[in-house]
């Protein structure tokens, strides 16, 4: 059984027991989350696709950790114009473990 969920503006394919890193979510380490934006649920040959979400479906997850990704360097330059600009960015994330996929 697996599902496709939407969180943080991105879509993820999840199955029970998998760990994924998503955009930062509010919640303490060890707390439970319920993700209710489920776009698709597949259970064997039975596939349910939402329009846009599956009614009554949810995914339960546990917060494993919070952190920040590797630094991404942004470098801008205009040749012959004496213009250079360097900037860095680190995106915050939350690592979650999928516990259960509940469909209606």
N, C-alpha and C. Protein backbone atom coordinates (compact mmCIF):
# COMPACT_ATOMS: atom_id res chain seq x y z
N UNK A 1 0.84 -1.18 0.00
CA UNK A 1 0.00 0.00 0.00
C UNK A 1 0.88 1.23 0.00
N UNK A 2 0.51 2.21 -0.84
CA UNK A 2 1.24 3.47 -0.85
C UNK A 2 0.27 4.60 -1.17
N UNK A 3 0.74 5.83 -0.97
CA UNK A 3 -0.09 7.00 -1.22
C UNK A 3 0.79 8.11 -1.76
N UNK A 4 0.16 9.06 -2.41
CA UNK A 4 0.83 10.28 -2.86
C UNK A 4 0.24 11.42 -2.05
N UNK A 5 1.11 12.13 -1.29
CA UNK A 5 0.65 13.23 -0.45
C UNK A 5 1.24 14.54 -0.94
N UNK A 6 0.61 15.62 -0.52
CA UNK A 6 1.10 16.95 -0.86
C UNK A 6 1.35 17.70 0.44
N UNK A 7 2.57 18.21 0.61
CA UNK A 7 2.91 19.03 1.76
C UNK A 7 4.05 19.96 1.36
N UNK A 8 3.96 21.19 1.79
CA UNK A 8 5.01 22.16 1.49
C UNK A 8 5.11 22.50 0.01
N UNK A 9 4.01 22.34 -0.74
CA UNK A 9 4.04 22.65 -2.16
C UNK A 9 4.66 21.57 -3.03
N UNK A 10 5.00 20.43 -2.44
CA UNK A 10 5.61 19.33 -3.19
C UNK A 10 4.79 18.06 -2.98
N UNK A 11 4.98 17.10 -3.87
CA UNK A 11 4.26 15.83 -3.77
C UNK A 11 5.26 14.72 -3.48
N UNK A 12 4.86 13.78 -2.62
CA UNK A 12 5.72 12.68 -2.21
C UNK A 12 4.95 11.36 -2.30
N UNK A 13 5.64 10.32 -2.74
CA UNK A 13 5.07 8.96 -2.74
C UNK A 13 5.54 8.31 -1.46
N UNK A 14 4.61 7.90 -0.61
CA UNK A 14 4.96 7.37 0.70
C UNK A 14 4.33 6.00 0.91
N UNK A 15 5.00 5.22 1.73
CA UNK A 15 4.50 3.90 2.15
C UNK A 15 4.78 3.78 3.65
N UNK A 16 4.03 2.94 4.35
CA UNK A 16 4.28 2.80 5.79
C UNK A 16 5.71 2.34 6.08
N UNK A 17 6.35 3.00 7.06
CA UNK A 17 7.71 2.66 7.45
C UNK A 17 8.79 3.46 6.76
N UNK A 18 8.47 4.25 5.76
CA UNK A 18 9.49 5.04 5.05
C UNK A 18 9.71 6.37 5.75
N UNK A 19 10.94 6.89 5.59
CA UNK A 19 11.30 8.20 6.13
C UNK A 19 11.50 9.15 4.96
N UNK A 20 10.95 10.35 5.09
CA UNK A 20 11.13 11.36 4.05
C UNK A 20 11.44 12.70 4.71
N UNK A 21 12.12 13.56 3.96
CA UNK A 21 12.40 14.92 4.41
C UNK A 21 11.47 15.86 3.66
N UNK A 22 10.67 16.62 4.42
CA UNK A 22 9.71 17.55 3.83
C UNK A 22 10.03 18.96 4.31
N UNK A 23 9.37 19.95 3.73
CA UNK A 23 9.52 21.33 4.20
C UNK A 23 9.18 21.38 5.68
N UNK A 24 9.77 22.34 6.39
CA UNK A 24 9.63 22.38 7.84
C UNK A 24 8.17 22.42 8.28
N UNK A 25 7.83 21.52 9.21
CA UNK A 25 6.48 21.44 9.79
C UNK A 25 6.57 21.72 11.28
N UNK A 26 5.51 22.28 11.83
CA UNK A 26 5.47 22.53 13.26
C UNK A 26 5.21 21.22 13.99
N UNK A 27 5.95 20.99 15.05
CA UNK A 27 5.77 19.77 15.83
C UNK A 27 7.07 19.38 16.51
N UNK A 28 6.94 18.87 17.72
CA UNK A 28 8.11 18.42 18.47
C UNK A 28 8.56 17.06 17.98
N UNK A 29 9.82 16.74 18.26
CA UNK A 29 10.36 15.42 17.89
C UNK A 29 9.60 14.35 18.67
N UNK A 30 9.12 13.36 17.96
CA UNK A 30 8.35 12.28 18.58
C UNK A 30 6.85 12.50 18.53
N UNK A 31 6.41 13.68 18.14
CA UNK A 31 4.97 13.93 18.08
C UNK A 31 4.38 13.36 16.79
N UNK A 32 3.08 13.16 16.79
CA UNK A 32 2.38 12.59 15.64
C UNK A 32 1.76 13.70 14.80
N UNK A 33 1.78 13.51 13.48
CA UNK A 33 1.16 14.44 12.54
C UNK A 33 0.14 13.69 11.71
N UNK A 34 -0.90 14.38 11.29
CA UNK A 34 -1.87 13.81 10.37
C UNK A 34 -1.85 14.67 9.12
N UNK A 35 -1.46 14.05 8.00
CA UNK A 35 -1.42 14.74 6.71
C UNK A 35 -2.68 14.37 5.95
N UNK A 36 -3.53 15.35 5.69
CA UNK A 36 -4.83 15.04 5.09
C UNK A 36 -4.92 15.40 3.61
N UNK A 37 -3.88 15.95 3.03
CA UNK A 37 -3.90 16.23 1.59
C UNK A 37 -3.34 15.02 0.85
N UNK A 38 -4.17 14.00 0.70
CA UNK A 38 -3.79 12.77 0.03
C UNK A 38 -4.35 12.83 -1.39
N UNK A 39 -3.47 12.78 -2.38
CA UNK A 39 -3.88 12.90 -3.77
C UNK A 39 -4.24 11.56 -4.40
N UNK A 40 -3.62 10.48 -3.91
CA UNK A 40 -3.88 9.15 -4.47
C UNK A 40 -3.56 8.09 -3.42
N UNK A 41 -4.35 7.03 -3.42
CA UNK A 41 -4.11 5.88 -2.55
C UNK A 41 -4.16 4.63 -3.40
N UNK A 42 -3.13 3.79 -3.27
CA UNK A 42 -3.08 2.52 -4.01
C UNK A 42 -2.94 1.38 -3.01
N UNK A 43 -3.86 0.43 -3.10
CA UNK A 43 -3.84 -0.75 -2.24
C UNK A 43 -3.93 -1.97 -3.15
N UNK A 44 -2.77 -2.49 -3.53
CA UNK A 44 -2.76 -3.61 -4.47
C UNK A 44 -3.20 -3.14 -5.84
N UNK A 45 -4.25 -3.77 -6.38
CA UNK A 45 -4.78 -3.37 -7.69
C UNK A 45 -5.82 -2.25 -7.58
N UNK A 46 -6.26 -1.94 -6.37
CA UNK A 46 -7.28 -0.91 -6.19
C UNK A 46 -6.60 0.46 -6.04
N UNK A 47 -6.86 1.35 -6.99
CA UNK A 47 -6.26 2.68 -6.98
C UNK A 47 -7.38 3.71 -6.89
N UNK A 48 -7.23 4.64 -5.94
CA UNK A 48 -8.20 5.72 -5.76
C UNK A 48 -7.49 7.04 -6.02
N UNK A 49 -8.00 7.79 -6.98
CA UNK A 49 -7.41 9.08 -7.33
C UNK A 49 -8.39 10.17 -6.94
N UNK A 50 -7.89 11.18 -6.26
CA UNK A 50 -8.74 12.27 -5.80
C UNK A 50 -8.92 13.35 -6.84
N UNK A 51 -9.90 14.22 -6.59
CA UNK A 51 -10.13 15.34 -7.49
C UNK A 51 -10.36 16.60 -6.67
N UNK A 52 -9.41 17.29 -6.14
CA UNK A 52 -7.98 17.02 -6.16
C UNK A 52 -7.49 16.11 -5.04
N UNK A 53 -8.25 15.96 -3.93
CA UNK A 53 -7.81 15.09 -2.84
C UNK A 53 -8.82 13.96 -2.65
N UNK A 54 -8.34 12.87 -2.06
CA UNK A 54 -9.20 11.72 -1.77
C UNK A 54 -9.97 12.02 -0.48
N UNK A 55 -11.28 11.96 -0.56
CA UNK A 55 -12.12 12.26 0.60
C UNK A 55 -11.98 11.17 1.66
N UNK A 56 -11.75 11.57 2.90
CA UNK A 56 -11.66 10.63 4.01
C UNK A 56 -10.33 9.92 4.16
N UNK A 57 -9.37 10.22 3.31
CA UNK A 57 -8.05 9.58 3.41
C UNK A 57 -7.10 10.47 4.19
N UNK A 58 -6.20 9.83 4.95
CA UNK A 58 -5.20 10.57 5.70
C UNK A 58 -3.96 9.70 5.88
N UNK A 59 -2.86 10.35 6.18
CA UNK A 59 -1.59 9.67 6.43
C UNK A 59 -1.09 10.10 7.80
N UNK A 60 -0.79 9.14 8.65
CA UNK A 60 -0.27 9.45 9.98
C UNK A 60 1.24 9.30 9.95
N UNK A 61 1.94 10.28 10.53
CA UNK A 61 3.40 10.29 10.52
C UNK A 61 3.92 10.73 11.88
N UNK A 62 5.17 10.38 12.16
CA UNK A 62 5.85 10.77 13.39
C UNK A 62 7.05 11.63 13.03
N UNK A 63 7.25 12.71 13.75
CA UNK A 63 8.39 13.59 13.52
C UNK A 63 9.65 12.92 14.08
N UNK A 64 10.63 12.72 13.21
CA UNK A 64 11.89 12.08 13.61
C UNK A 64 12.92 13.13 13.99
N UNK A 65 13.08 14.17 13.16
CA UNK A 65 14.07 15.21 13.45
C UNK A 65 13.77 16.46 12.64
N UNK A 66 14.41 17.54 13.05
CA UNK A 66 14.39 18.80 12.32
C UNK A 66 15.83 19.10 11.93
N UNK A 67 16.02 19.81 10.83
CA UNK A 67 17.38 20.16 10.44
C UNK A 67 17.38 21.16 9.31
N UNK A 68 18.58 21.39 8.78
CA UNK A 68 18.75 22.28 7.65
C UNK A 68 19.57 21.57 6.59
N UNK A 69 19.19 21.77 5.33
CA UNK A 69 19.87 21.11 4.22
C UNK A 69 21.24 21.73 3.98
N UNK A 70 21.97 21.16 3.03
CA UNK A 70 23.26 21.71 2.65
C UNK A 70 23.10 23.09 2.05
N UNK A 71 24.16 23.88 2.15
CA UNK A 71 24.10 25.25 1.65
C UNK A 71 24.13 25.26 0.13
N UNK A 72 23.28 26.09 -0.45
CA UNK A 72 23.24 26.31 -1.88
C UNK A 72 23.81 27.70 -2.12
N UNK A 73 24.83 27.80 -2.96
CA UNK A 73 25.46 29.09 -3.24
C UNK A 73 24.82 29.73 -4.47
N UNK A 74 24.46 31.00 -4.33
CA UNK A 74 23.92 31.78 -5.44
C UNK A 74 24.98 32.80 -5.82
N UNK A 75 25.42 32.78 -7.08
CA UNK A 75 26.47 33.69 -7.54
C UNK A 75 25.99 34.42 -8.77
N UNK A 76 25.99 35.75 -8.69
CA UNK A 76 25.59 36.57 -9.82
C UNK A 76 26.77 37.42 -10.25
N UNK A 77 26.94 37.57 -11.55
CA UNK A 77 28.06 38.36 -12.06
C UNK A 77 27.69 38.96 -13.40
N UNK A 78 28.07 40.20 -13.60
CA UNK A 78 27.95 40.86 -14.90
C UNK A 78 29.36 41.12 -15.39
N UNK A 79 29.70 40.50 -16.47
CA UNK A 79 31.07 40.65 -16.95
C UNK A 79 31.33 42.08 -17.41
N UNK A 80 32.52 42.52 -17.16
CA UNK A 80 33.04 43.85 -17.53
C UNK A 80 32.31 45.00 -16.82
N UNK A 81 31.46 44.72 -15.85
CA UNK A 81 30.72 45.78 -15.17
C UNK A 81 31.10 45.92 -13.71
N UNK A 82 32.05 45.15 -13.25
CA UNK A 82 32.54 45.19 -11.88
C UNK A 82 31.41 44.90 -10.88
N UNK A 83 30.57 43.88 -11.22
CA UNK A 83 29.45 43.51 -10.36
C UNK A 83 29.54 42.03 -10.05
N UNK A 84 29.65 41.72 -8.78
CA UNK A 84 29.62 40.34 -8.31
C UNK A 84 28.83 40.30 -7.02
N UNK A 85 28.02 39.27 -6.88
CA UNK A 85 27.22 39.12 -5.67
C UNK A 85 27.16 37.64 -5.32
N UNK A 86 27.48 37.30 -4.09
CA UNK A 86 27.42 35.92 -3.61
C UNK A 86 26.44 35.86 -2.46
N UNK A 87 25.59 34.84 -2.49
CA UNK A 87 24.60 34.67 -1.44
C UNK A 87 24.44 33.18 -1.19
N UNK A 88 24.15 32.80 0.04
CA UNK A 88 23.94 31.40 0.38
C UNK A 88 22.55 31.19 0.96
N UNK A 89 22.08 29.95 0.89
CA UNK A 89 20.76 29.62 1.42
C UNK A 89 20.78 28.19 1.95
N UNK A 90 20.19 28.00 3.12
CA UNK A 90 20.00 26.66 3.69
C UNK A 90 18.52 26.50 4.01
N UNK A 91 17.91 25.49 3.40
CA UNK A 91 16.48 25.26 3.58
C UNK A 91 16.24 24.39 4.81
N UNK A 92 15.29 24.79 5.64
CA UNK A 92 14.93 24.00 6.82
C UNK A 92 14.02 22.84 6.40
N UNK A 93 14.19 21.69 7.06
CA UNK A 93 13.37 20.52 6.75
C UNK A 93 12.96 19.81 8.02
N UNK A 94 11.97 18.96 7.89
CA UNK A 94 11.52 18.07 8.95
C UNK A 94 11.55 16.65 8.40
N UNK A 95 12.21 15.76 9.10
CA UNK A 95 12.23 14.36 8.68
C UNK A 95 11.10 13.64 9.40
N UNK A 96 10.23 12.97 8.62
CA UNK A 96 9.09 12.26 9.20
C UNK A 96 9.13 10.79 8.79
N UNK A 97 8.56 9.95 9.65
CA UNK A 97 8.41 8.52 9.37
C UNK A 97 6.92 8.24 9.21
N UNK A 98 6.55 7.62 8.11
CA UNK A 98 5.15 7.31 7.83
C UNK A 98 4.75 6.09 8.65
N UNK A 99 3.70 6.24 9.44
CA UNK A 99 3.22 5.16 10.30
C UNK A 99 2.08 4.38 9.67
N UNK A 100 1.07 5.12 9.16
CA UNK A 100 -0.14 4.44 8.69
C UNK A 100 -0.81 5.25 7.61
N UNK A 101 -1.36 4.56 6.63
CA UNK A 101 -2.16 5.19 5.58
C UNK A 101 -3.59 4.74 5.79
N UNK A 102 -4.47 5.70 6.02
CA UNK A 102 -5.88 5.38 6.29
C UNK A 102 -6.74 5.88 5.13
N UNK A 103 -7.44 4.96 4.50
CA UNK A 103 -8.38 5.32 3.44
C UNK A 103 -9.79 4.99 3.95
N UNK A 104 -10.79 5.62 3.36
CA UNK A 104 -12.16 5.39 3.83
C UNK A 104 -12.68 4.02 3.50
